[in-house]
Structures are given as C-alpha cells and as structure tokens.
Amino acid sequence: MIAPQNYYAPAPAPSRRQRAKEPDKFDGKDSAKLETFLLQCSLYFHSDPEAFAADRDKCLTAASYLSELALKWIRP
C-alpha cells in the first residue's frame, strides 16, 4: 500500500542551486546572433554569482564558448 502524500509538509530544500543553461557556441558567422550569445552569457553568470564574481572568470568562460571566426578575436 502506498502511503498518502502530505500536501501540507514543506517542500524539501533543493540540494543545489539551479544554474541557467550554458550559452550556445558563437562562431561569429552571423553577427545577428551576438546579442543572443551575450544575453545567454549574462544569464549564465547571474545564475551563479559566486563562481563568476571576477570579470576574469566571466571573460574566460565566455571565450570558451567561442569557435571558428569568433575565437580568432580573443587575445591574451
């Protein structure tokens, strides 16, 4: 027999923070997709502020989602 569910009990606390979806790769072929890429990066960074507290961390992460032509823009 299945025990009845207690609808008045508080929901369990989530074990981890929910992180936004990772940004899609940006290859630079369609410049119209840049704004969407930057928005996706911003949402990703804001979903885990502790991990992306420094601008350096944001830049390195965003650069890791670049490919092809867009990757050639990156300089150390």
N, C-alpha and C. Protein backbone atom coordinates (compact mmCIF):
# COMPACT_ATOMS: atom_id res chain seq x y z
N MET A 1 0.84 -1.17 0.00
CA MET A 1 0.00 0.00 0.00
C MET A 1 0.89 1.24 0.00
N ILE A 2 0.52 2.22 -0.78
CA ILE A 2 1.29 3.45 -0.88
C ILE A 2 0.79 4.43 0.18
N ALA A 3 1.74 5.03 0.89
CA ALA A 3 1.38 6.00 1.94
C ALA A 3 0.83 7.26 1.30
N PRO A 4 -0.18 7.87 1.92
CA PRO A 4 -0.73 9.12 1.36
C PRO A 4 0.31 10.23 1.44
N GLN A 5 0.25 11.10 0.48
CA GLN A 5 1.19 12.22 0.42
C GLN A 5 0.70 13.34 1.31
N ASN A 6 1.60 13.92 2.07
CA ASN A 6 1.26 15.02 2.96
C ASN A 6 1.45 16.33 2.18
N TYR A 7 0.34 16.93 1.75
CA TYR A 7 0.40 18.15 0.96
C TYR A 7 0.72 19.39 1.80
N TYR A 8 0.69 19.25 3.10
CA TYR A 8 0.94 20.39 3.97
C TYR A 8 2.39 20.44 4.45
N ALA A 9 3.14 19.42 4.18
CA ALA A 9 4.55 19.41 4.59
C ALA A 9 5.34 20.35 3.68
N PRO A 10 6.31 21.05 4.24
CA PRO A 10 7.11 21.95 3.40
C PRO A 10 7.92 21.15 2.37
N ALA A 11 8.10 21.77 1.24
CA ALA A 11 8.89 21.12 0.19
C ALA A 11 10.34 21.03 0.64
N PRO A 12 11.02 19.95 0.29
CA PRO A 12 12.42 19.85 0.68
C PRO A 12 13.25 20.92 -0.01
N ALA A 13 14.26 21.39 0.69
CA ALA A 13 15.14 22.41 0.12
C ALA A 13 15.94 21.79 -1.03
N PRO A 14 16.13 22.54 -2.10
CA PRO A 14 16.92 22.00 -3.21
C PRO A 14 18.36 21.75 -2.77
N SER A 15 18.94 20.69 -3.27
CA SER A 15 20.29 20.33 -2.86
C SER A 15 21.33 21.20 -3.53
N ARG A 16 21.01 21.76 -4.69
CA ARG A 16 21.94 22.63 -5.42
C ARG A 16 21.17 23.80 -5.99
N ARG A 17 21.92 24.86 -6.28
CA ARG A 17 21.30 25.99 -6.96
C ARG A 17 21.05 25.61 -8.41
N GLN A 18 19.98 26.12 -8.93
CA GLN A 18 19.66 25.90 -10.34
C GLN A 18 20.50 26.86 -11.18
N ARG A 19 21.30 26.33 -12.08
CA ARG A 19 22.11 27.16 -12.95
C ARG A 19 21.43 27.27 -14.30
N ALA A 20 21.54 28.45 -14.89
CA ALA A 20 20.96 28.67 -16.21
C ALA A 20 21.65 27.77 -17.23
N LYS A 21 20.99 27.57 -18.34
CA LYS A 21 21.54 26.78 -19.45
C LYS A 21 22.84 27.42 -19.92
N GLU A 22 23.79 26.60 -20.28
CA GLU A 22 25.06 27.10 -20.82
C GLU A 22 24.80 27.83 -22.13
N PRO A 23 25.60 28.87 -22.42
CA PRO A 23 25.41 29.58 -23.68
C PRO A 23 25.68 28.67 -24.88
N ASP A 24 24.98 28.94 -25.97
CA ASP A 24 25.26 28.23 -27.22
C ASP A 24 26.60 28.72 -27.76
N LYS A 25 27.28 27.87 -28.50
CA LYS A 25 28.53 28.29 -29.14
C LYS A 25 28.26 29.44 -30.09
N PHE A 26 29.19 30.39 -30.14
CA PHE A 26 29.08 31.51 -31.08
C PHE A 26 30.28 31.44 -32.00
N ASP A 27 30.01 31.32 -33.31
CA ASP A 27 31.10 31.17 -34.26
C ASP A 27 31.44 32.46 -35.01
N GLY A 28 30.62 33.49 -34.85
CA GLY A 28 30.89 34.78 -35.48
C GLY A 28 30.43 34.90 -36.93
N LYS A 29 29.88 33.83 -37.49
CA LYS A 29 29.44 33.87 -38.89
C LYS A 29 28.20 34.75 -39.08
N ASP A 30 27.34 34.80 -38.07
CA ASP A 30 26.12 35.59 -38.14
C ASP A 30 26.14 36.59 -36.99
N SER A 31 26.48 37.84 -37.29
CA SER A 31 26.61 38.85 -36.24
C SER A 31 25.29 39.12 -35.53
N ALA A 32 24.18 38.79 -36.16
CA ALA A 32 22.88 38.99 -35.52
C ALA A 32 22.71 38.08 -34.30
N LYS A 33 23.50 37.02 -34.22
CA LYS A 33 23.41 36.09 -33.08
C LYS A 33 24.25 36.53 -31.89
N LEU A 34 25.05 37.59 -32.06
CA LEU A 34 25.92 38.05 -30.97
C LEU A 34 25.11 38.52 -29.76
N GLU A 35 24.06 39.29 -29.98
CA GLU A 35 23.26 39.79 -28.87
C GLU A 35 22.66 38.64 -28.07
N THR A 36 22.18 37.62 -28.75
CA THR A 36 21.62 36.45 -28.06
C THR A 36 22.70 35.74 -27.26
N PHE A 37 23.89 35.60 -27.84
CA PHE A 37 25.00 34.96 -27.14
C PHE A 37 25.35 35.74 -25.86
N LEU A 38 25.43 37.05 -25.96
CA LEU A 38 25.76 37.87 -24.79
C LEU A 38 24.68 37.78 -23.71
N LEU A 39 23.42 37.73 -24.12
CA LEU A 39 22.32 37.57 -23.16
C LEU A 39 22.43 36.21 -22.46
N GLN A 40 22.70 35.16 -23.23
CA GLN A 40 22.85 33.82 -22.64
C GLN A 40 24.01 33.80 -21.65
N CYS A 41 25.10 34.45 -21.99
CA CYS A 41 26.24 34.53 -21.07
C CYS A 41 25.85 35.25 -19.79
N SER A 42 25.16 36.37 -19.93
CA SER A 42 24.74 37.15 -18.77
C SER A 42 23.84 36.33 -17.84
N LEU A 43 22.88 35.63 -18.40
CA LEU A 43 22.00 34.78 -17.59
C LEU A 43 22.79 33.68 -16.89
N TYR A 44 23.73 33.10 -17.60
CA TYR A 44 24.57 32.03 -17.03
C TYR A 44 25.39 32.58 -15.86
N PHE A 45 25.98 33.75 -16.02
CA PHE A 45 26.80 34.34 -14.97
C PHE A 45 25.96 34.72 -13.75
N HIS A 46 24.78 35.29 -13.98
CA HIS A 46 23.92 35.70 -12.87
C HIS A 46 23.32 34.51 -12.12
N SER A 47 23.27 33.36 -12.75
CA SER A 47 22.71 32.19 -12.07
C SER A 47 23.66 31.60 -11.04
N ASP A 48 24.94 32.00 -11.09
CA ASP A 48 25.92 31.52 -10.11
C ASP A 48 26.91 32.64 -9.82
N PRO A 49 26.49 33.67 -9.07
CA PRO A 49 27.33 34.84 -8.86
C PRO A 49 28.64 34.54 -8.12
N GLU A 50 28.65 33.53 -7.28
CA GLU A 50 29.89 33.21 -6.56
C GLU A 50 30.96 32.69 -7.53
N ALA A 51 30.55 31.90 -8.51
CA ALA A 51 31.51 31.33 -9.47
C ALA A 51 32.01 32.38 -10.45
N PHE A 52 31.23 33.43 -10.68
CA PHE A 52 31.60 34.44 -11.66
C PHE A 52 31.71 35.82 -11.01
N ALA A 53 32.32 35.87 -9.84
CA ALA A 53 32.45 37.14 -9.11
C ALA A 53 33.44 38.08 -9.80
N ALA A 54 34.47 37.52 -10.41
CA ALA A 54 35.50 38.34 -11.06
C ALA A 54 35.25 38.42 -12.57
N ASP A 55 35.54 39.58 -13.14
CA ASP A 55 35.39 39.76 -14.58
C ASP A 55 36.25 38.77 -15.36
N ARG A 56 37.40 38.43 -14.81
CA ARG A 56 38.30 37.47 -15.46
C ARG A 56 37.59 36.12 -15.67
N ASP A 57 36.86 35.67 -14.66
CA ASP A 57 36.14 34.40 -14.76
C ASP A 57 35.06 34.47 -15.84
N LYS A 58 34.38 35.61 -15.94
CA LYS A 58 33.35 35.78 -16.96
C LYS A 58 33.97 35.76 -18.35
N CYS A 59 35.09 36.48 -18.51
CA CYS A 59 35.74 36.54 -19.82
C CYS A 59 36.25 35.18 -20.26
N LEU A 60 36.89 34.46 -19.36
CA LEU A 60 37.41 33.13 -19.70
C LEU A 60 36.28 32.17 -20.06
N THR A 61 35.18 32.24 -19.32
CA THR A 61 34.05 31.36 -19.60
C THR A 61 33.41 31.70 -20.94
N ALA A 62 33.16 32.98 -21.18
CA ALA A 62 32.56 33.40 -22.45
C ALA A 62 33.47 32.99 -23.61
N ALA A 63 34.77 33.17 -23.46
CA ALA A 63 35.72 32.81 -24.53
C ALA A 63 35.69 31.31 -24.82
N SER A 64 35.39 30.51 -23.81
CA SER A 64 35.36 29.06 -24.02
C SER A 64 34.17 28.63 -24.88
N TYR A 65 33.19 29.52 -25.07
CA TYR A 65 32.03 29.21 -25.91
C TYR A 65 32.14 29.83 -27.30
N LEU A 66 33.30 30.37 -27.63
CA LEU A 66 33.53 30.90 -28.97
C LEU A 66 34.18 29.83 -29.82
N SER A 67 33.93 29.89 -31.12
CA SER A 67 34.56 28.95 -32.04
C SER A 67 34.79 29.64 -33.38
N GLU A 68 35.55 29.00 -34.22
CA GLU A 68 35.83 29.44 -35.59
C GLU A 68 36.26 30.91 -35.65
N LEU A 69 35.57 31.71 -36.44
CA LEU A 69 35.94 33.11 -36.64
C LEU A 69 35.94 33.91 -35.33
N ALA A 70 34.94 33.70 -34.50
CA ALA A 70 34.85 34.45 -33.24
C ALA A 70 36.02 34.14 -32.31
N LEU A 71 36.51 32.92 -32.34
CA LEU A 71 37.63 32.54 -31.49
C LEU A 71 38.91 33.28 -31.88
N LYS A 72 39.02 33.67 -33.12
CA LYS A 72 40.19 34.41 -33.58
C LYS A 72 40.24 35.82 -33.00
N TRP A 73 39.13 36.33 -32.48
CA TRP A 73 39.09 37.66 -31.90
C TRP A 73 39.79 37.71 -30.54
N ILE A 74 39.90 36.58 -29.88
CA ILE A 74 40.42 36.53 -28.50
C ILE A 74 41.94 36.71 -28.50
N ARG A 75 42.38 37.59 -27.60
CA ARG A 75 43.80 37.82 -27.38
C ARG A 75 44.09 37.70 -25.89
N PRO A 76 45.25 37.14 -25.54
CA PRO A 76 45.60 37.03 -24.12
C PRO A 76 45.76 38.39 -23.47
